[in-house]
């Protein structure tokens, strides 16, 4: 009897232990998080290389070419080699100074090359051997409105360093944009360089000595250049300087005035005073 009680107690204890184990296993299954695969070092390096991979030289070159603007080709041209002379009429609605600014010049031994907006368009014949013995020979060219049309014309000296500059005149032809030789200026002025006054007079200054000179003044009339006045400075018999003024019409001239030149103690010019004509 006693043995039956011991056996029954042992069986109960075994059953209780088995239930407890099942509950613990179930609880463990519900609360345990799923395991994740460990990240290996090889996988990390592969991801880093993918993010920092350097583009190849071909890829870089392609991207640079696509981003870079195409270079502008040099469009300047030497029109002096063409069979047909270059022509570009001046725009009448454009200010003269704007048209003048497009022309540049280069002195050569056999003449002057004319450039328009960088294009070589013309060579003006002239004796410019002096260009080989000076720096910046273009400095000796003179630009002025010699024909009174509002546009700059060109005087090319045949020699430099002389008291009376001589050379050739070339005037801008507004209908072609080219410079043409001007026989009227060359012949009437004798090739001498003239200054241009605000009064429309062209003055040629010819120096004879320290005290003597002659100014010849010209004016345009219907496309022709005419001498209209002469001023002659000379040393009088009293040792004073005088200027005689002549009005010229054709081959006739008339003495219309005389001035006494006033000098200071250093023989510097300070003015003039009128002298009555006898």
C-alpha atoms as a PDB file:
ATOM      1  CA  UNK A   1       0.000   0.000   0.000  1.00  0.00           C
ATOM      2  CA  UNK A   2       2.745   2.242   0.943  1.00  0.00           C
ATOM      3  CA  UNK A   3       4.563   1.348  -2.339  1.00  0.00           C
ATOM      4  CA  UNK A   4       1.475   2.393  -4.400  1.00  0.00           C
ATOM      5  CA  UNK A   5       1.449   5.788  -2.783  1.00  0.00           C
ATOM      6  CA  UNK A   6       5.113   6.315  -3.595  1.00  0.00           C
ATOM      7  CA  UNK A   7       4.605   5.280  -7.208  1.00  0.00           C
ATOM      8  CA  UNK A   8       1.629   7.605  -7.622  1.00  0.00           C
ATOM      9  CA  UNK A   9       3.562  10.511  -6.206  1.00  0.00           C
ATOM     10  CA  UNK A  10       6.453   9.854  -8.539  1.00  0.00           C
ATOM     11  CA  UNK A  11       4.124   9.758 -11.537  1.00  0.00           C
ATOM     12  CA  UNK A  12       2.542  13.097 -10.597  1.00  0.00           C
ATOM     13  CA  UNK A  13       5.920  14.680 -10.199  1.00  0.00           C
ATOM     14  CA  UNK A  14       6.983  13.431 -13.633  1.00  0.00           C
ATOM     15  CA  UNK A  15       3.860  14.838 -15.279  1.00  0.00           C
ATOM     16  CA  UNK A  16       4.303  18.255 -13.650  1.00  0.00           C
ATOM     17  CA  UNK A  17       7.941  18.476 -14.772  1.00  0.00           C
ATOM     18  CA  UNK A  18       6.994  17.650 -18.381  1.00  0.00           C
ATOM     19  CA  UNK A  19       4.347  20.409 -18.509  1.00  0.00           C
ATOM     20  CA  UNK A  20       6.718  22.933 -17.111  1.00  0.00           C
ATOM     21  CA  UNK A  21       9.286  22.121 -19.814  1.00  0.00           C
ATOM     22  CA  UNK A  22       6.678  22.533 -22.583  1.00  0.00           C
ATOM     23  CA  UNK A  23       5.652  25.957 -21.234  1.00  0.00           C
ATOM     24  CA  UNK A  24       9.271  27.131 -21.098  1.00  0.00           C
ATOM     25  CA  UNK A  25       9.964  26.024 -24.647  1.00  0.00           C
ATOM     26  CA  UNK A  26       6.861  27.797 -25.936  1.00  0.00           C
ATOM     27  CA  UNK A  27       7.775  30.984 -24.092  1.00  0.00           C
ATOM     28  CA  UNK A  28      11.285  30.847 -25.470  1.00  0.00           C
ATOM     29  CA  UNK A  29      10.020  30.480 -29.035  1.00  0.00           C
ATOM     30  CA  UNK A  30       7.755  33.558 -28.705  1.00  0.00           C
ATOM     31  CA  UNK A  31      10.284  35.934 -27.130  1.00  0.00           C
ATOM     32  CA  UNK A  32      13.468  35.077 -29.018  1.00  0.00           C
ATOM     33  CA  UNK A  33      14.252  37.488 -31.971  1.00  0.00           C
ATOM     34  CA  UNK A  34      15.247  35.983 -35.293  1.00  0.00           C
ATOM     35  CA  UNK A  35      18.976  35.843 -35.814  1.00  0.00           C
ATOM     36  CA  UNK A  36      20.484  38.033 -38.605  1.00  0.00           C
ATOM     37  CA  UNK A  37      23.361  37.049 -40.797  1.00  0.00           C
ATOM     38  CA  UNK A  38      26.622  38.797 -39.790  1.00  0.00           C
ATOM     39  CA  UNK A  39      27.965  41.439 -42.255  1.00  0.00           C
ATOM     40  CA  UNK A  40      31.310  40.281 -43.426  1.00  0.00           C
ATOM     41  CA  UNK A  41      34.305  42.571 -44.095  1.00  0.00           C
ATOM     42  CA  UNK A  42      34.382  41.573 -47.766  1.00  0.00           C
ATOM     43  CA  UNK A  43      30.783  42.754 -48.284  1.00  0.00           C
ATOM     44  CA  UNK A  44      31.542  46.141 -46.653  1.00  0.00           C
ATOM     45  CA  UNK A  45      34.556  46.739 -48.913  1.00  0.00           C
ATOM     46  CA  UNK A  46      32.574  45.873 -52.037  1.00  0.00           C
ATOM     47  CA  UNK A  47      29.841  48.413 -51.150  1.00  0.00           C
ATOM     48  CA  UNK A  48      32.416  51.145 -50.470  1.00  0.00           C
ATOM     49  CA  UNK A  49      34.171  50.542 -53.788  1.00  0.00           C
ATOM     50  CA  UNK A  50      30.856  50.757 -55.649  1.00  0.00           C
ATOM     51  CA  UNK A  51      30.125  54.178 -54.095  1.00  0.00           C
ATOM     52  CA  UNK A  52      33.603  55.663 -54.619  1.00  0.00           C
ATOM     53  CA  UNK A  53      34.494  54.161 -57.980  1.00  0.00           C
ATOM     54  CA  UNK A  54      36.571  56.630 -60.073  1.00  0.00           C
ATOM     55  CA  UNK A  55      35.298  57.241 -63.639  1.00  0.00           C
ATOM     56  CA  UNK A  56      37.559  56.150 -66.452  1.00  0.00           C
ATOM     57  CA  UNK A  57      39.535  58.646 -68.569  1.00  0.00           C
ATOM     58  CA  UNK A  58      37.207  58.104 -71.533  1.00  0.00           C
ATOM     59  CA  UNK A  59      34.134  58.850 -69.398  1.00  0.00           C
ATOM     60  CA  UNK A  60      35.739  62.006 -67.954  1.00  0.00           C
ATOM     61  CA  UNK A  61      36.792  63.173 -71.424  1.00  0.00           C
ATOM     62  CA  UNK A  62      33.284  62.690 -72.744  1.00  0.00           C
ATOM     63  CA  UNK A  63      31.716  64.670 -69.922  1.00  0.00           C
ATOM     64  CA  UNK A  64      34.251  67.524 -70.343  1.00  0.00           C
ATOM     65  CA  UNK A  65      33.628  67.792 -74.075  1.00  0.00           C
ATOM     66  CA  UNK A  66      29.890  67.893 -73.507  1.00  0.00           C
ATOM     67  CA  UNK A  67      30.200  70.688 -70.907  1.00  0.00           C
ATOM     68  CA  UNK A  68      32.757  72.776 -72.841  1.00  0.00           C
ATOM     69  CA  UNK A  69      31.443  75.263 -75.402  1.00  0.00           C
ATOM     70  CA  UNK A  70      32.874  74.884 -78.914  1.00  0.00           C
ATOM     71  CA  UNK A  71      35.765  77.259 -79.706  1.00  0.00           C
ATOM     72  CA  UNK A  72      35.018  80.206 -82.008  1.00  0.00           C
ATOM     73  CA  UNK A  73      36.889  79.965 -85.288  1.00  0.00           C
ATOM     74  CA  UNK A  74      39.008  82.889 -86.516  1.00  0.00           C
ATOM     75  CA  UNK A  75      36.784  84.523 -89.127  1.00  0.00           C
ATOM     76  CA  UNK A  76      39.231  87.251 -90.208  1.00  0.00           C
ATOM     77  CA  UNK A  77      40.076  87.167 -93.880  1.00  0.00           C
ATOM     78  CA  UNK A  78      42.576  88.636 -96.342  1.00  0.00           C
ATOM     79  CA  UNK A  79      40.381  90.139 -99.041  1.00  0.00           C
ATOM     80  CA  UNK A  80      43.394  91.560-100.881  1.00  0.00           C
ATOM     81  CA  UNK A  81      43.901  88.075-102.347  1.00  0.00           C
ATOM     82  CA  UNK A  82      40.457  88.058-103.971  1.00  0.00           C
ATOM     83  CA  UNK A  83      39.909  88.922-107.620  1.00  0.00           C
ATOM     84  CA  UNK A  84      36.995  91.196-106.722  1.00  0.00           C
ATOM     85  CA  UNK A  85      37.839  94.259-104.576  1.00  0.00           C
ATOM     86  CA  UNK A  86      36.299  94.254-101.108  1.00  0.00           C
ATOM     87  CA  UNK A  87      33.281  96.554-100.753  1.00  0.00           C
ATOM     88  CA  UNK A  88      31.198  97.552 -97.737  1.00  0.00           C
ATOM     89  CA  UNK A  89      29.158 100.759 -98.145  1.00  0.00           C
ATOM     90  CA  UNK A  90      28.957 102.958 -95.073  1.00  0.00           C
ATOM     91  CA  UNK A  91      25.621 102.848 -93.268  1.00  0.00           C
ATOM     92  CA  UNK A  92      24.208 106.403 -93.583  1.00  0.00           C
ATOM     93  CA  UNK A  93      22.293 105.975 -90.316  1.00  0.00           C
ATOM     94  CA  UNK A  94      25.483 105.185 -88.404  1.00  0.00           C
ATOM     95  CA  UNK A  95      27.512 107.897 -86.688  1.00  0.00           C
ATOM     96  CA  UNK A  96      30.749 108.627 -88.628  1.00  0.00           C
ATOM     97  CA  UNK A  97      32.956 107.965 -85.601  1.00  0.00           C
ATOM     98  CA  UNK A  98      31.496 104.457 -85.323  1.00  0.00           C
ATOM     99  CA  UNK A  99      32.416 103.705 -88.926  1.00  0.00           C
ATOM    100  CA  UNK A 100      35.902 105.210 -88.482  1.00  0.00           C
ATOM    101  CA  UNK A 101      36.544 103.021 -85.428  1.00  0.00           C
ATOM    102  CA  UNK A 102      36.278  99.828 -87.517  1.00  0.00           C
ATOM    103  CA  UNK A 103      39.333 100.750 -89.601  1.00  0.00           C
ATOM    104  CA  UNK A 104      42.895 100.032 -88.524  1.00  0.00           C
ATOM    105  CA  UNK A 105      46.148 100.394 -90.455  1.00  0.00           C
ATOM    106  CA  UNK A 106      49.511  98.696 -90.788  1.00  0.00           C
ATOM    107  CA  UNK A 107      52.472 100.459 -92.415  1.00  0.00           C
ATOM    108  CA  UNK A 108      54.562  98.359 -94.813  1.00  0.00           C
ATOM    109  CA  UNK A 109      57.531  99.391 -97.000  1.00  0.00           C
ATOM    110  CA  UNK A 110      55.366  99.450-100.143  1.00  0.00           C
ATOM    111  CA  UNK A 111      52.273 101.048 -98.616  1.00  0.00           C
ATOM    112  CA  UNK A 112      49.647 100.806 -95.924  1.00  0.00           C
ATOM    113  CA  UNK A 113      47.416  97.792 -95.298  1.00  0.00           C
ATOM    114  CA  UNK A 114      43.854  98.704 -94.352  1.00  0.00           C
ATOM    115  CA  UNK A 115      41.848  96.451 -92.026  1.00  0.00           C
ATOM    116  CA  UNK A 116      38.102  96.539 -91.456  1.00  0.00           C
ATOM    117  CA  UNK A 117      36.937  94.793 -88.275  1.00  0.00           C
ATOM    118  CA  UNK A 118      40.160  92.778 -88.367  1.00  0.00           C
ATOM    119  CA  UNK A 119      39.858  91.755 -92.033  1.00  0.00           C
ATOM    120  CA  UNK A 120      42.586  92.862 -94.420  1.00  0.00           C
ATOM    121  CA  UNK A 121      40.634  94.627 -97.144  1.00  0.00           C
ATOM    122  CA  UNK A 122      42.997  96.917 -99.043  1.00  0.00           C
ATOM    123  CA  UNK A 123      46.619  97.978 -99.590  1.00  0.00           C
ATOM    124  CA  UNK A 124      47.249 101.671-100.292  1.00  0.00           C
ATOM    125  CA  UNK A 125      50.301 102.211-102.463  1.00  0.00           C
ATOM    126  CA  UNK A 126      52.854 104.618-101.030  1.00  0.00           C
ATOM    127  CA  UNK A 127      56.583 104.942-100.441  1.00  0.00           C
ATOM    128  CA  UNK A 128      56.979 103.986 -96.789  1.00  0.00           C
ATOM    129  CA  UNK A 129      60.589 102.822 -96.610  1.00  0.00           C
ATOM    130  CA  UNK A 130      60.915 104.983 -93.513  1.00  0.00           C
ATOM    131  CA  UNK A 131      58.810 102.452 -91.586  1.00  0.00           C
ATOM    132  CA  UNK A 132      61.906 100.248 -91.202  1.00  0.00           C
ATOM    133  CA  UNK A 133      63.791 102.816 -89.131  1.00  0.00           C
ATOM    134  CA  UNK A 134      61.136 103.857 -86.598  1.00  0.00           C
ATOM    135  CA  UNK A 135      59.144 102.172 -83.879  1.00  0.00           C
ATOM    136  CA  UNK A 136      55.345 102.209 -84.214  1.00  0.00           C
ATOM    137  CA  UNK A 137      55.253 103.600 -87.787  1.00  0.00           C
ATOM    138  CA  UNK A 138      51.451 103.852 -87.625  1.00  0.00           C
ATOM    139  CA  UNK A 139      51.994 106.817 -85.296  1.00  0.00           C
ATOM    140  CA  UNK A 140      53.157 108.852 -88.320  1.00  0.00           C
ATOM    141  CA  UNK A 141      49.919 108.362 -90.250  1.00  0.00           C
ATOM    142  CA  UNK A 142      47.490 111.287 -90.068  1.00  0.00           C
ATOM    143  CA  UNK A 143      43.731 110.789 -89.959  1.00  0.00           C
ATOM    144  CA  UNK A 144      41.491 113.777 -90.615  1.00  0.00           C
ATOM    145  CA  UNK A 145      38.396 114.750 -92.568  1.00  0.00           C
ATOM    146  CA  UNK A 146      40.193 116.275 -95.541  1.00  0.00           C
ATOM    147  CA  UNK A 147      37.250 116.176 -97.952  1.00  0.00           C
ATOM    148  CA  UNK A 148      34.707 117.494 -95.401  1.00  0.00           C
ATOM    149  CA  UNK A 149      32.235 114.597 -95.699  1.00  0.00           C
ATOM    150  CA  UNK A 150      32.318 113.816 -91.967  1.00  0.00           C
ATOM    151  CA  UNK A 151      34.510 110.691 -92.230  1.00  0.00           C
ATOM    152  CA  UNK A 152      38.218 110.304 -91.477  1.00  0.00           C
ATOM    153  CA  UNK A 153      40.601 110.251 -94.427  1.00  0.00           C
ATOM    154  CA  UNK A 154      44.248 109.212 -94.463  1.00  0.00           C
ATOM    155  CA  UNK A 155      47.530 111.020 -95.146  1.00  0.00           C
ATOM    156  CA  UNK A 156      50.579 108.803 -95.693  1.00  0.00           C
ATOM    157  CA  UNK A 157      53.926 110.640 -95.434  1.00  0.00           C
ATOM    158  CA  UNK A 158      56.671 109.783 -97.902  1.00  0.00           C
ATOM    159  CA  UNK A 159      59.310 110.975 -95.420  1.00  0.00           C
ATOM    160  CA  UNK A 160      59.456 111.850 -91.747  1.00  0.00           C
ATOM    161  CA  UNK A 161      61.566 114.228 -89.671  1.00  0.00           C
ATOM    162  CA  UNK A 162      61.292 117.097 -92.162  1.00  0.00           C
ATOM    163  CA  UNK A 163      59.844 120.533 -91.279  1.00  0.00           C
ATOM    164  CA  UNK A 164      57.346 120.343 -94.158  1.00  0.00           C
ATOM    165  CA  UNK A 165      55.704 116.922 -94.346  1.00  0.00           C
ATOM    166  CA  UNK A 166      54.776 115.635 -97.810  1.00  0.00           C
ATOM    167  CA  UNK A 167      53.026 112.462 -98.897  1.00  0.00           C
ATOM    168  CA  UNK A 168      49.795 111.143-100.407  1.00  0.00           C
ATOM    169  CA  UNK A 169      46.123 111.563 -99.537  1.00  0.00           C
ATOM    170  CA  UNK A 170      43.544 108.778 -99.503  1.00  0.00           C
ATOM    171  CA  UNK A 171      39.882 109.596 -98.856  1.00  0.00           C
ATOM    172  CA  UNK A 172      37.176 107.208 -97.676  1.00  0.00           C
ATOM    173  CA  UNK A 173      34.648 106.431-100.380  1.00  0.00           C
ATOM    174  CA  UNK A 174      31.417 105.968 -98.421  1.00  0.00           C
ATOM    175  CA  UNK A 175      29.708 104.117-101.298  1.00  0.00           C
ATOM    176  CA  UNK A 176      32.308 101.304-101.232  1.00  0.00           C
ATOM    177  CA  UNK A 177      33.914 101.626 -97.803  1.00  0.00           C
ATOM    178  CA  UNK A 178      37.320 101.712 -99.530  1.00  0.00           C
ATOM    179  CA  UNK A 179      39.967 104.427 -99.567  1.00  0.00           C
ATOM    180  CA  UNK A 180      40.601 106.109-102.920  1.00  0.00           C
ATOM    181  CA  UNK A 181      43.568 108.270-103.822  1.00  0.00           C
ATOM    182  CA  UNK A 182      42.595 111.942-103.972  1.00  0.00           C
ATOM    183  CA  UNK A 183      44.251 113.711-106.875  1.00  0.00           C
ATOM    184  CA  UNK A 184      42.550 116.982-105.976  1.00  0.00           C
ATOM    185  CA  UNK A 185      44.290 117.104-102.609  1.00  0.00           C
ATOM    186  CA  UNK A 186      47.588 115.763-103.926  1.00  0.00           C
ATOM    187  CA  UNK A 187      47.751 118.263-106.781  1.00  0.00           C
ATOM    188  CA  UNK A 188      46.303 121.388-105.156  1.00  0.00           C
ATOM    189  CA  UNK A 189      48.303 120.966-101.938  1.00  0.00           C
ATOM    190  CA  UNK A 190      51.426 119.791-103.678  1.00  0.00           C
ATOM    191  CA  UNK A 191      51.486 116.676-101.492  1.00  0.00           C
ATOM    192  CA  UNK A 192      51.912 118.809 -98.372  1.00  0.00           C
ATOM    193  CA  UNK A 193      50.199 117.858 -95.114  1.00  0.00           C
ATOM    194  CA  UNK A 194      47.283 120.146 -94.243  1.00  0.00           C
ATOM    195  CA  UNK A 195      45.626 120.861 -90.928  1.00  0.00           C
ATOM    196  CA  UNK A 196      41.821 121.041 -90.786  1.00  0.00           C
ATOM    197  CA  UNK A 197      40.116 123.935 -89.022  1.00  0.00           C
ATOM    198  CA  UNK A 198      36.664 124.112 -87.498  1.00  0.00           C
ATOM    199  CA  UNK A 199      35.872 126.787 -90.082  1.00  0.00           C
ATOM    200  CA  UNK A 200      36.280 124.261 -92.888  1.00  0.00           C
ATOM    201  CA  UNK A 201      39.628 125.643 -94.041  1.00  0.00           C
ATOM    202  CA  UNK A 202      42.550 123.370 -94.890  1.00  0.00           C
ATOM    203  CA  UNK A 203      45.835 125.065 -94.001  1.00  0.00           C
ATOM    204  CA  UNK A 204      49.239 124.107 -95.362  1.00  0.00           C
ATOM    205  CA  UNK A 205      52.081 125.478 -93.260  1.00  0.00           C
ATOM    206  CA  UNK A 206      55.391 125.934 -95.077  1.00  0.00           C
ATOM    207  CA  UNK A 207      58.305 126.970 -92.887  1.00  0.00           C
ATOM    208  CA  UNK A 208      61.170 128.829 -94.565  1.00  0.00           C
ATOM    209  CA  UNK A 209      63.283 129.804 -91.554  1.00  0.00           C
ATOM    210  CA  UNK A 210      62.970 130.555 -87.852  1.00  0.00           C
ATOM    211  CA  UNK A 211      61.239 133.856 -88.645  1.00  0.00           C
ATOM    212  CA  UNK A 212      59.651 133.234 -92.055  1.00  0.00           C
ATOM    213  CA  UNK A 213      56.749 131.020 -93.027  1.00  0.00           C
ATOM    214  CA  UNK A 214      53.701 130.889 -95.290  1.00  0.00           C
ATOM    215  CA  UNK A 215      50.230 129.545 -94.526  1.00  0.00           C
ATOM    216  CA  UNK A 216      48.071 128.705 -97.556  1.00  0.00           C
ATOM    217  CA  UNK A 217      44.388 128.182 -96.765  1.00  0.00           C
ATOM    218  CA  UNK A 218      42.013 126.231 -98.998  1.00  0.00           C
ATOM    219  CA  UNK A 219      38.272 125.643 -99.109  1.00  0.00           C
ATOM    220  CA  UNK A 220      36.100 123.123-100.969  1.00  0.00           C
ATOM    221  CA  UNK A 221      33.666 124.424-103.603  1.00  0.00           C
ATOM    222  CA  UNK A 222      31.479 121.821-105.355  1.00  0.00           C
ATOM    223  CA  UNK A 223      34.102 119.111-105.147  1.00  0.00           C
ATOM    224  CA  UNK A 224      37.002 121.358-106.086  1.00  0.00           C
ATOM    225  CA  UNK A 225      39.657 122.677-103.712  1.00  0.00           C
ATOM    226  CA  UNK A 226      40.470 126.365-104.083  1.00  0.00           C
ATOM    227  CA  UNK A 227      43.100 128.577-102.466  1.00  0.00           C
ATOM    228  CA  UNK A 228      41.267 131.395-100.698  1.00  0.00           C
ATOM    229  CA  UNK A 229      43.871 133.058 -98.464  1.00  0.00           C
ATOM    230  CA  UNK A 230      47.596 133.355 -97.818  1.00  0.00           C
ATOM    231  CA  UNK A 231      49.410 134.502 -94.678  1.00  0.00           C
ATOM    232  CA  UNK A 232      53.076 135.353 -94.993  1.00  0.00           C
ATOM    233  CA  UNK A 233      55.313 136.082 -92.003  1.00  0.00           C
ATOM    234  CA  UNK A 234      58.594 137.954 -92.639  1.00  0.00           C
ATOM    235  CA  UNK A 235      61.228 140.010 -90.882  1.00  0.00           C
ATOM    236  CA  UNK A 236      60.750 143.736 -91.638  1.00  0.00           C
ATOM    237  CA  UNK A 237      63.477 146.285 -92.278  1.00  0.00           C
ATOM    238  CA  UNK A 238      63.053 147.501 -88.688  1.00  0.00           C
ATOM    239  CA  UNK A 239      63.896 144.048 -87.294  1.00  0.00           C
ATOM    240  CA  UNK A 240      60.307 143.337 -86.305  1.00  0.00           C
ATOM    241  CA  UNK A 241      58.142 140.434 -87.421  1.00  0.00           C
ATOM    242  CA  UNK A 242      55.098 141.114 -89.597  1.00  0.00           C
ATOM    243  CA  UNK A 243      52.354 139.002 -91.182  1.00  0.00           C
ATOM    244  CA  UNK A 244      50.761 140.065 -94.487  1.00  0.00           C
ATOM    245  CA  UNK A 245      47.305 138.613 -95.242  1.00  0.00           C
ATOM    246  CA  UNK A 246      46.160 138.100 -98.838  1.00  0.00           C
ATOM    247  CA  UNK A 247      42.694 137.253-100.151  1.00  0.00           C
ATOM    248  CA  UNK A 248      42.913 134.943-103.166  1.00  0.00           C
ATOM    249  CA  UNK A 249      40.350 134.391-105.910  1.00  0.00           C
ATOM    250  CA  UNK A 250      41.545 132.297-108.807  1.00  0.00           C
ATOM    251  CA  UNK A 251      44.790 133.802-110.024  1.00  0.00           C
ATOM    252  CA  UNK A 252      44.073 137.154-108.399  1.00  0.00           C
ATOM    253  CA  UNK A 253      45.068 138.099-104.853  1.00  0.00           C
ATOM    254  CA  UNK A 254      44.732 141.223-102.770  1.00  0.00           C
ATOM    255  CA  UNK A 255      46.556 142.407 -99.649  1.00  0.00           C
ATOM    256  CA  UNK A 256      43.796 142.838 -97.068  1.00  0.00           C
ATOM    257  CA  UNK A 257      45.650 143.117 -93.790  1.00  0.00           C
ATOM    258  CA  UNK A 258      48.970 143.366 -91.944  1.00  0.00           C
ATOM    259  CA  UNK A 259      49.822 142.373 -88.378  1.00  0.00           C
ATOM    260  CA  UNK A 260      52.764 143.188 -86.133  1.00  0.00           C
ATOM    261  CA  UNK A 261      53.930 140.115 -84.179  1.00  0.00           C
ATOM    262  CA  UNK A 262      54.478 140.876 -80.480  1.00  0.00           C
ATOM    263  CA  UNK A 263      57.220 138.976 -78.641  1.00  0.00           C
ATOM    264  CA  UNK A 264      58.338 139.001 -75.006  1.00  0.00           C
ATOM    265  CA  UNK A 265      61.914 139.395 -73.755  1.00  0.00           C
ATOM    266  CA  UNK A 266      62.518 135.706 -74.497  1.00  0.00           C
ATOM    267  CA  UNK A 267      61.258 136.109 -78.082  1.00  0.00           C
ATOM    268  CA  UNK A 268      58.147 134.096 -77.234  1.00  0.00           C
ATOM    269  CA  UNK A 269      54.973 134.924 -79.140  1.00  0.00           C
ATOM    270  CA  UNK A 270      52.428 136.841 -77.050  1.00  0.00           C
ATOM    271  CA  UNK A 271      50.040 138.190 -79.722  1.00  0.00           C
ATOM    272  CA  UNK A 272      49.620 140.472 -82.710  1.00  0.00           C
ATOM    273  CA  UNK A 273      48.427 144.006 -83.394  1.00  0.00           C
ATOM    274  CA  UNK A 274      46.948 145.394 -86.585  1.00  0.00           C
ATOM    275  CA  UNK A 275      49.120 147.683 -88.696  1.00  0.00           C
ATOM    276  CA  UNK A 276      47.505 150.232 -91.039  1.00  0.00           C
ATOM    277  CA  UNK A 277      48.161 149.591 -94.723  1.00  0.00           C
ATOM    278  CA  UNK A 278      49.901 152.438 -96.551  1.00  0.00           C
END
